[in-house]
């Protein structure tokens, strides 16, 4: 109800490039786009924007992405994956640097490495694919309120529509968005009927704030994050 009330009277804003703060639920949606590209299966099929980039800077130094199938209390935690391989914690991106990919036994054998325990079965009849378990962006230390206070002008995004239209191979996206305008470090008026567009790799590289409020939605989680500049299309 509180969310509904704060969106009363929402209207678009003029088209601009500005800072965007993504609420955990919204940031987790973008993280979902990232997941498939961080599997060795996608890399081996030339369907990942991260192919050939291990050891390279692929995101801002503030971004660390992990998958942890053994995390205490995680909804996707289990002692073993769908192939009986022990699960564990895999650092995929550390301080913006791509460290590696998620593997099952098949992709690991092809690359001459160990499985990361990410063999995921849809059912006992299906062959194991490579998938994420508890997949998340490591939280920072600042509060979401501080990120807002430190933003002179921007958009606090509480909702996106059309995430399924994004291209997971190229990383390109254009999604409908709603949220609250930020002016001089304050949330001012509700905004609806805008689109935010860009590329996932570009978004990752422009992250300049990561809050400490890591929140999980099923097997994926993210804190509030701020992106220094994104294209916001209004009227």
Foldseek 3Di string as FASTA:
>chain_A
DVVVVQQPPAAADAWDKFKEKEAWVRVLLLVVLQWVLQALVCLVVLQHPCNPQAQHQLFALQWKKKFAQCDPPALQHDQAAPVRHGAGMDTQAHRRGGHHGAADPVSCVVVVHDHNRQFHDPDNPDGTDGGGGQIEIAADAAAPLVVLQPGAWDWYWDDWPDSVVARSRFQWDKIFTWGFIRHNSDGDGTHGAKIWTDGSSLQRHQWDDGHRPWDDDRSYIGHITMGGITTIHHD
